[in-house]
Amino acid sequence: MLNVETSVEGDEWPSLDFSRTASDAVRAALAGSPHGHLLDRPLICEVSVKFSDDATVRTLNDRFRQKDKPTNVLSFPAVQEDLLASLANTDDGEALLGDIILAGATCRREAEEKDVSIAAHAAHLIVHGTLHLVGYDHETDADADDMERLETEILNGMNIADPYRQGSETD
């Protein structure tokens, strides 16, 4: 079972169904990943998605990644990748997979540059962030290619166009 908690901070986000956007994107990302089994277990998997502002994301990016600049999305995994397969054995039947935070002005600007809706771009970033929660990264070219290929497949299943076709990338 999946529980996606959403929160909206600041006024940088346009009106959209935040809860549905986040829930649909997290579910699609997990289902499309090798960890789709987490959706079928009696375990309650929780993911927190915060729609925030650039200042907050910049502060977090500096504090945790030593990059003093805003970025579009940050992910904070709560479970080590090698423990994901054994999550059904938790004592209380619940597991926090982690937190995802999006920067409003950066996401809005990127959506405009890509000529896509903010909802589609936010969904892409949540898929990207969720894949980080389950162990994917893009530190090497090969890892980036694998992650982008999986994101594109997942987004295709959500009827969202390939975000990498225009040569952009997420951080």
Protein backbone atom coordinates (compact mmCIF):
# COMPACT_ATOMS: atom_id res chain seq x y z
CA MET A 1 0.00 0.00 0.00
CA LEU A 2 1.26 3.47 -0.81
CA ASN A 3 0.67 6.65 1.16
CA VAL A 4 1.84 9.89 -0.46
CA GLU A 5 1.75 12.90 1.84
CA THR A 6 1.80 16.26 0.08
CA SER A 7 2.26 19.78 1.30
CA VAL A 8 2.42 23.13 -0.45
CA GLU A 9 4.61 25.92 0.85
CA GLY A 10 4.68 29.47 -0.43
CA ASP A 11 2.87 31.00 -3.37
CA GLU A 12 5.17 29.91 -6.21
CA TRP A 13 2.87 27.09 -7.26
CA PRO A 14 -0.11 27.55 -9.54
CA SER A 15 -3.37 25.91 -8.78
CA LEU A 16 -3.16 22.18 -9.47
CA ASP A 17 -4.27 18.98 -7.82
CA PHE A 18 -1.06 18.51 -5.85
CA SER A 19 -2.17 15.38 -4.06
CA ARG A 20 -3.22 13.58 -7.23
CA THR A 21 -0.16 14.72 -9.22
CA ALA A 22 2.20 13.51 -6.49
CA SER A 23 0.35 10.26 -5.82
CA ASP A 24 0.06 9.32 -9.50
CA ALA A 25 3.74 10.09 -10.17
CA VAL A 26 5.09 8.22 -7.13
CA ARG A 27 2.88 5.20 -7.86
CA ALA A 28 3.91 5.11 -11.53
CA ALA A 29 7.60 5.44 -10.64
CA LEU A 30 7.48 2.61 -8.10
CA ALA A 31 5.43 0.39 -10.42
CA GLY A 32 7.88 0.99 -13.26
CA SER A 33 10.95 0.35 -11.14
CA PRO A 34 12.34 -3.00 -9.98
CA HIS A 35 10.70 -2.19 -6.62
CA GLY A 36 7.12 -2.34 -7.85
CA HIS A 37 6.56 -5.20 -5.41
CA LEU A 38 6.33 -2.59 -2.63
CA LEU A 39 2.91 -1.59 -3.96
CA ASP A 40 1.56 -5.15 -3.61
CA ARG A 41 2.64 -5.89 -0.04
CA PRO A 42 0.57 -5.24 3.06
CA LEU A 43 3.33 -2.85 4.07
CA ILE A 44 2.42 0.85 4.07
CA CYS A 45 5.10 2.71 2.12
CA GLU A 46 5.09 6.43 2.65
CA VAL A 47 6.61 9.14 0.49
CA SER A 48 6.46 12.81 1.39
CA VAL A 49 6.27 15.33 -1.47
CA LYS A 50 6.62 19.02 -0.70
CA PHE A 51 5.88 21.68 -3.28
CA SER A 52 8.12 24.45 -1.98
CA ASP A 53 9.99 27.56 -3.07
CA ASP A 54 13.42 28.16 -4.56
CA ALA A 55 14.85 29.69 -1.37
CA THR A 56 14.04 26.61 0.71
CA VAL A 57 15.39 24.23 -1.93
CA ARG A 58 18.54 26.33 -2.32
CA THR A 59 19.15 26.16 1.43
CA LEU A 60 18.68 22.38 1.46
CA ASN A 61 20.84 21.94 -1.65
CA ASP A 62 23.64 23.91 0.02
CA ARG A 63 23.31 22.13 3.37
CA PHE A 64 23.11 18.56 2.08
CA ARG A 65 24.88 18.70 -1.30
CA GLN A 66 27.22 21.67 -0.84
CA LYS A 67 25.73 23.32 -3.94
CA ASP A 68 24.66 26.88 -3.13
CA LYS A 69 22.03 27.21 -5.84
CA PRO A 70 18.41 26.27 -6.31
CA THR A 71 17.64 23.09 -8.18
CA ASN A 72 14.34 21.74 -9.44
CA VAL A 73 14.01 18.69 -7.16
CA LEU A 74 15.78 17.12 -4.22
CA SER A 75 15.27 13.65 -2.82
CA PHE A 76 16.12 12.37 0.62
CA PRO A 77 15.97 8.55 0.77
CA ALA A 78 15.08 7.09 4.17
CA VAL A 79 15.85 3.46 3.30
CA GLN A 80 19.14 2.10 2.04
CA GLU A 81 18.79 0.58 -1.41
CA ASP A 82 19.98 -2.85 -0.25
CA LEU A 83 17.19 -2.95 2.37
CA LEU A 84 14.29 -2.22 0.00
CA ALA A 85 13.65 -5.91 -0.73
CA SER A 86 13.23 -6.69 2.98
CA LEU A 87 10.84 -3.85 3.83
CA ALA A 88 7.89 -6.20 4.33
CA ASN A 89 9.61 -7.37 7.51
CA THR A 90 9.29 -4.07 9.38
CA ASP A 91 7.96 -4.28 12.93
CA ASP A 92 5.07 -1.86 12.53
CA GLY A 93 4.13 -2.55 8.90
CA GLU A 94 5.10 0.94 7.78
CA ALA A 95 8.16 2.34 6.05
CA LEU A 96 9.04 5.87 5.06
CA LEU A 97 10.78 5.63 1.67
CA GLY A 98 11.81 9.28 1.84
CA ASP A 99 11.10 12.89 1.04
CA ILE A 100 10.95 14.78 -2.25
CA ILE A 101 10.94 18.57 -2.45
CA LEU A 102 10.33 20.67 -5.56
CA ALA A 103 11.27 24.33 -6.14
CA GLY A 104 8.34 26.31 -7.51
CA ALA A 105 9.93 29.12 -9.53
CA THR A 106 12.58 26.81 -11.00
CA CYS A 107 9.95 24.24 -11.99
CA ARG A 108 7.69 26.88 -13.49
CA ARG A 109 10.58 28.40 -15.50
CA GLU A 110 11.68 24.97 -16.76
CA ALA A 111 8.12 24.06 -17.75
CA GLU A 112 7.86 27.29 -19.75
CA GLU A 113 11.23 26.65 -21.42
CA LYS A 114 10.15 23.13 -22.36
CA ASP A 115 6.68 24.32 -23.38
CA VAL A 116 4.98 21.77 -21.12
CA SER A 117 2.40 22.20 -18.39
CA ILE A 118 3.58 22.70 -14.83
CA ALA A 119 1.63 19.55 -13.91
CA ALA A 120 3.52 17.45 -16.47
CA HIS A 121 6.87 18.87 -15.42
CA ALA A 122 6.10 18.40 -11.71
CA ALA A 123 5.07 14.79 -12.43
CA HIS A 124 8.36 14.22 -14.25
CA LEU A 125 10.35 15.65 -11.33
CA ILE A 126 8.41 13.52 -8.83
CA VAL A 127 9.09 10.40 -10.91
CA HIS A 128 12.77 11.42 -11.02
CA GLY A 129 12.80 12.02 -7.26
CA THR A 130 11.06 8.74 -6.51
CA LEU A 131 13.64 6.83 -8.54
CA HIS A 132 16.32 8.47 -6.39
CA LEU A 133 14.48 7.17 -3.31
CA VAL A 134 14.82 3.60 -4.58
CA GLY A 135 18.49 3.81 -5.46
CA TYR A 136 18.81 5.34 -8.91
CA ASP A 137 21.26 8.13 -9.59
CA HIS A 138 22.92 9.88 -12.50
CA GLU A 139 26.50 10.24 -11.28
CA THR A 140 27.94 8.45 -14.32
CA ASP A 141 26.89 8.67 -17.96
CA ALA A 142 25.77 5.02 -17.87
CA ASP A 143 23.69 5.57 -14.72
CA ALA A 144 22.17 8.73 -16.22
CA ASP A 145 21.26 6.87 -19.42
CA ASP A 146 19.61 4.05 -17.42
CA MET A 147 17.69 6.46 -15.21
CA GLU A 148 16.55 8.63 -18.13
CA ARG A 149 15.43 5.57 -20.09
CA LEU A 150 13.37 4.34 -17.13
CA GLU A 151 11.90 7.81 -16.50
CA THR A 152 10.91 8.09 -20.16
CA GLU A 153 9.17 4.67 -20.03
CA ILE A 154 7.31 5.58 -16.84
CA LEU A 155 6.27 8.99 -18.17
CA ASN A 156 5.15 7.43 -21.45
CA GLY A 157 2.80 5.23 -19.39
CA MET A 158 1.45 8.43 -17.84
CA ASN A 159 0.96 10.02 -21.30
CA ILE A 160 3.73 12.55 -20.66
CA ALA A 161 6.21 13.24 -23.47
CA ASP A 162 9.89 12.36 -23.21
CA PRO A 163 11.42 15.23 -21.20
CA TYR A 164 14.94 14.45 -22.44
CA ARG A 165 14.16 14.84 -26.10
CA GLN A 166 15.00 18.54 -25.84
CA GLY A 167 18.34 17.78 -24.21
CA SER A 168 17.49 19.08 -20.75
CA GLU A 169 18.32 17.23 -17.59
CA THR A 170 17.34 17.26 -13.93
CA ASP A 171 19.65 17.58 -11.00
